[in-house]
Amino acid sequence: MSEFEVSAPKYRDRVEAGAILAQRLAQYRDEHPLVLSIPNGGVPVGAVIAERLNARLYLVIARKLQIPDNPEAGFGAITTDGNLILNHALMLHLGLREPQVQRQKERALAEARLKRELFGARADLPPMTGRIAVLVDDGLASGYTMEAAVESVKAHHAQRIIIAVPTSSSSAYRRLHPKVDRIFCPDLSRLPFFAVANAYEKWYDVGEDEVKRILEELEKKGL
């Protein structure tokens, strides 16, 4: 393949991706895992997993630190409890100075905490001692948001941490693999060019209203 070729979509949508992951995670059903989704895109995926595993769904909220001149890209991520992951090599390449980094850190942290208030109790992580934590997103591009989420969960003393994502770049997979107990990823891309959206036939940005609707539906089911 050339540098600009992409593989065919692997999933119809996030719901189908969640169902495929749930099949692979079925072995943990009787161990009463906690499903922890990264909003917004990870919530439709995690909701299906939570239903199939009869598990409670919680949210781990993390926001990327935006590159000042390219807000679609990031140089790290931070969670609501302040766990910060930085791409130091990228920061050096971009010539980012400490005041710029601090501004982006403060902005991202404020956004994360506003989102926590919006989603309420689901965004407050429960006690995890002796429990399996399954971290879910709709895909890993750089993986820095997931890495920040992993560090947040580690601080809650989960017995085991598992990442479950429908698709991932090889670089994100390699960096995260030694940090957790296991990664489930049916579509591990080895292409030089990677975008999470390419794994889906139906791709769109999940809005906060959809997240709240999904959480309300789970609440009615006692999950």
Foldseek 3Di string as FASTA:
>chain_A
DDQPDDDAAQAAALLRLLVVLLVVVLVCLVQQAEEEEEPDQFQSSSLNNCVSSVHHYAYWYKFFQADVVGRVDGQAMATLVGQTDGNVVVCVVVVPDPVSSVVSSVVRNVVRVVVCVVQDPSHPDDQAAAHEYEYTGQEEEQQRRVVSSLVVVVVSHHPFYEYEYAEYEPNNCVVCVVSGDYYHYPHYDDRNDDDSCNNHPDDDHDDPVNSNVSNVVVVVVVD
